[in-house]
C-alpha atoms as a PDB file:
ATOM      1  CA  MET A   1       0.000   0.000   0.000  1.00  0.00           C
ATOM      2  CA  ILE A   2       2.795   2.407   0.922  1.00  0.00           C
ATOM      3  CA  MET A   3       4.638   1.483  -2.260  1.00  0.00           C
ATOM      4  CA  ILE A   4       1.575   2.346  -4.387  1.00  0.00           C
ATOM      5  CA  ILE A   5       1.236   5.754  -2.691  1.00  0.00           C
ATOM      6  CA  PHE A   6       4.971   6.404  -3.139  1.00  0.00           C
ATOM      7  CA  LYS A   7       4.856   5.503  -6.857  1.00  0.00           C
ATOM      8  CA  SER A   8       1.728   7.621  -7.350  1.00  0.00           C
ATOM      9  CA  LEU A   9       3.337  10.647  -5.717  1.00  0.00           C
ATOM     10  CA  LEU A  10       6.552  10.135  -7.664  1.00  0.00           C
ATOM     11  CA  THR A  11       4.634   9.919 -10.944  1.00  0.00           C
ATOM     12  CA  PHE A  12       2.646  13.034 -10.073  1.00  0.00           C
ATOM     13  CA  PHE A  13       5.773  15.091  -9.302  1.00  0.00           C
ATOM     14  CA  VAL A  14       7.564  13.889 -12.450  1.00  0.00           C
ATOM     15  CA  ILE A  15       4.604  14.861 -14.640  1.00  0.00           C
ATOM     16  CA  TYR A  16       4.190  18.155 -12.763  1.00  0.00           C
ATOM     17  CA  GLY A  17       7.887  18.997 -13.171  1.00  0.00           C
ATOM     18  CA  LEU A  18       7.876  18.048 -16.845  1.00  0.00           C
ATOM     19  CA  PHE A  19       4.815  20.225 -17.458  1.00  0.00           C
ATOM     20  CA  HIS A  20       6.502  23.261 -15.850  1.00  0.00           C
ATOM     21  CA  PHE A  21       9.750  22.603 -17.700  1.00  0.00           C
ATOM     22  CA  ILE A  22       7.920  22.609 -21.053  1.00  0.00           C
ATOM     23  CA  LYS A  23       5.965  25.716 -20.057  1.00  0.00           C
ATOM     24  CA  ASP A  24       9.194  27.554 -19.136  1.00  0.00           C
ATOM     25  CA  LEU A  25      10.859  26.543 -22.403  1.00  0.00           C
ATOM     26  CA  TYR A  26       7.858  27.749 -24.355  1.00  0.00           C
ATOM     27  CA  GLY A  27       7.884  31.047 -22.479  1.00  0.00           C
ATOM     28  CA  GLU A  28      11.594  31.512 -23.063  1.00  0.00           C
ATOM     29  CA  PHE A  29      11.659  30.853 -26.798  1.00  0.00           C
ATOM     30  CA  VAL A  30       8.195  31.650 -28.114  1.00  0.00           C
ATOM     31  CA  THR A  31       6.920  34.677 -26.237  1.00  0.00           C
ATOM     32  CA  GLU A  32       8.551  37.952 -27.154  1.00  0.00           C
ATOM     33  CA  LYS A  33      10.033  40.007 -24.338  1.00  0.00           C
ATOM     34  CA  LYS A  34       9.019  43.640 -24.374  1.00  0.00           C
ATOM     35  CA  TYR A  35      11.147  46.257 -22.651  1.00  0.00           C
ATOM     36  CA  ASN A  36      10.859  49.994 -22.561  1.00  0.00           C
ATOM     37  CA  SER A  37      13.162  52.740 -21.410  1.00  0.00           C
ATOM     38  CA  GLU A  38      11.648  52.852 -17.913  1.00  0.00           C
ATOM     39  CA  ASP A  39      12.604  49.232 -17.184  1.00  0.00           C
ATOM     40  CA  ILE A  40      16.381  49.386 -17.484  1.00  0.00           C
ATOM     41  CA  ALA A  41      19.122  52.023 -17.417  1.00  0.00           C
ATOM     42  CA  ILE A  42      22.876  51.561 -17.559  1.00  0.00           C
ATOM     43  CA  VAL A  43      24.876  53.915 -15.343  1.00  0.00           C
ATOM     44  CA  ILE A  44      28.529  54.513 -16.232  1.00  0.00           C
ATOM     45  CA  LYS A  45      30.554  56.366 -13.604  1.00  0.00           C
ATOM     46  CA  VAL A  46      33.650  57.942 -15.148  1.00  0.00           C
ATOM     47  CA  LYS A  47      36.605  60.027 -14.046  1.00  0.00           C
ATOM     48  CA  ASN A  48      39.261  61.124 -16.529  1.00  0.00           C
ATOM     49  CA  SER A  49      38.084  58.559 -19.076  1.00  0.00           C
ATOM     50  CA  ALA A  50      38.131  60.642 -22.239  1.00  0.00           C
ATOM     51  CA  GLU A  51      40.181  58.078 -24.157  1.00  0.00           C
ATOM     52  CA  SER A  52      37.966  55.077 -23.483  1.00  0.00           C
ATOM     53  CA  LEU A  53      34.485  56.529 -22.902  1.00  0.00           C
ATOM     54  CA  GLU A  54      33.271  56.614 -26.497  1.00  0.00           C
ATOM     55  CA  ALA A  55      34.487  53.070 -27.166  1.00  0.00           C
ATOM     56  CA  THR A  56      32.796  51.859 -23.979  1.00  0.00           C
ATOM     57  CA  VAL A  57      29.427  53.398 -24.864  1.00  0.00           C
ATOM     58  CA  ARG A  58      29.581  52.118 -28.438  1.00  0.00           C
ATOM     59  CA  ALA A  59      30.466  48.615 -27.177  1.00  0.00           C
ATOM     60  CA  ILE A  60      27.422  48.667 -24.869  1.00  0.00           C
ATOM     61  CA  ILE A  61      25.198  49.765 -27.754  1.00  0.00           C
ATOM     62  CA  LEU A  62      26.585  47.055 -30.029  1.00  0.00           C
ATOM     63  CA  LYS A  63      26.108  44.404 -27.337  1.00  0.00           C
ATOM     64  CA  CYS A  64      22.507  45.500 -26.787  1.00  0.00           C
ATOM     65  CA  LEU A  65      21.766  45.440 -30.514  1.00  0.00           C
ATOM     66  CA  THR A  66      23.144  41.932 -30.973  1.00  0.00           C
ATOM     67  CA  ASN A  67      21.720  40.247 -27.883  1.00  0.00           C
ATOM     68  CA  SER A  68      18.678  38.005 -27.800  1.00  0.00           C
ATOM     69  CA  TYR A  69      16.312  40.658 -26.398  1.00  0.00           C
ATOM     70  CA  GLY A  70      15.301  41.942 -29.795  1.00  0.00           C
ATOM     71  CA  GLY A  71      17.824  44.745 -30.102  1.00  0.00           C
ATOM     72  CA  TYR A  72      16.538  46.805 -27.189  1.00  0.00           C
ATOM     73  CA  ILE A  73      18.898  49.595 -26.118  1.00  0.00           C
ATOM     74  CA  PRO A  74      18.362  50.894 -22.571  1.00  0.00           C
ATOM     75  CA  ASP A  75      19.022  54.445 -21.446  1.00  0.00           C
ATOM     76  CA  ILE A  76      22.710  55.049 -20.749  1.00  0.00           C
ATOM     77  CA  ILE A  77      23.575  57.578 -18.044  1.00  0.00           C
ATOM     78  CA  ILE A  78      27.136  58.870 -17.919  1.00  0.00           C
ATOM     79  CA  VAL A  79      27.991  60.203 -14.445  1.00  0.00           C
ATOM     80  CA  ASP A  80      31.106  62.390 -14.305  1.00  0.00           C
ATOM     81  CA  MET A  81      32.853  61.923 -10.968  1.00  0.00           C
ATOM     82  CA  GLY A  82      34.938  65.105 -11.341  1.00  0.00           C
ATOM     83  CA  SER A  83      37.086  64.663 -14.430  1.00  0.00           C
ATOM     84  CA  ASP A  84      39.962  66.996 -15.284  1.00  0.00           C
ATOM     85  CA  ASP A  85      40.281  65.972 -18.946  1.00  0.00           C
ATOM     86  CA  ASP A  86      37.947  66.123 -21.970  1.00  0.00           C
ATOM     87  CA  THR A  87      35.460  63.621 -20.540  1.00  0.00           C
ATOM     88  CA  GLU A  88      32.657  66.191 -20.417  1.00  0.00           C
ATOM     89  CA  GLU A  89      33.127  67.228 -24.051  1.00  0.00           C
ATOM     90  CA  ILE A  90      33.248  63.610 -25.232  1.00  0.00           C
ATOM     91  CA  SER A  91      30.126  62.827 -23.158  1.00  0.00           C
ATOM     92  CA  GLN A  92      28.244  65.769 -24.664  1.00  0.00           C
ATOM     93  CA  LYS A  93      29.253  64.614 -28.172  1.00  0.00           C
ATOM     94  CA  ILE A  94      27.930  61.114 -27.433  1.00  0.00           C
ATOM     95  CA  CYS A  95      24.701  62.593 -26.037  1.00  0.00           C
ATOM     96  CA  ASN A  96      24.245  64.581 -29.247  1.00  0.00           C
ATOM     97  CA  ASP A  97      24.803  61.416 -31.321  1.00  0.00           C
ATOM     98  CA  TYR A  98      22.361  59.217 -29.371  1.00  0.00           C
ATOM     99  CA  SER A  99      19.033  60.282 -27.872  1.00  0.00           C
ATOM    100  CA  PHE A 100      19.143  57.573 -25.194  1.00  0.00           C
ATOM    101  CA  VAL A 101      22.496  58.669 -23.698  1.00  0.00           C
ATOM    102  CA  TYR A 102      22.441  61.235 -20.885  1.00  0.00           C
ATOM    103  CA  TYR A 103      25.258  63.090 -19.131  1.00  0.00           C
ATOM    104  CA  THR A 104      25.235  64.349 -15.548  1.00  0.00           C
ATOM    105  CA  THR A 105      27.632  65.236 -12.788  1.00  0.00           C
ATOM    106  CA  TYR A 106      28.017  63.255  -9.583  1.00  0.00           C
ATOM    107  CA  ASP A 107      26.299  65.931  -7.466  1.00  0.00           C
ATOM    108  CA  LEU A 108      23.223  66.039  -9.706  1.00  0.00           C
ATOM    109  CA  TYR A 109      23.142  62.240  -9.869  1.00  0.00           C
ATOM    110  CA  MET A 110      23.120  61.924  -6.080  1.00  0.00           C
ATOM    111  CA  LYS A 111      20.342  64.538  -5.792  1.00  0.00           C
ATOM    112  CA  ALA A 112      18.264  62.623  -8.343  1.00  0.00           C
ATOM    113  CA  LYS A 113      18.711  59.347  -6.435  1.00  0.00           C
ATOM    114  CA  GLU A 114      17.223  60.862  -3.262  1.00  0.00           C
END
C-alpha cells in the first residue's frame, strides 16, 4: 500500500515537473520580451576617461543590438565623478549622437537618487 502511494506521488511530481519545464521553455523561446526605457538604465561612472568613454558606450550599444532581447537599447547615463580631462566634451558629443544617452555630474546624480 505504501509502495503504491509512493509511486503515485513520484509519478505526479515527475509529470508536474515536466509540465513546468515545457511551459518555461515555451515562455523563453516563443513569447517575445518587451522592454521599454523605464525598465532598465545603464549607469557609467567615469573620471578622466576621455580616451575610453566613447568606445565603452559604443560597445554597450553594439552588445545590446546583438543580444537576444530583440535589439533593445536601454538608457545610458554617464555620471562624471569630477574629471579633469575632456570627458565632459566627449560625453556631450555622445549625447548629441544618441538620444538615449544622458550626461550628468556626480552631485546632480546623487540629488536625483534621493
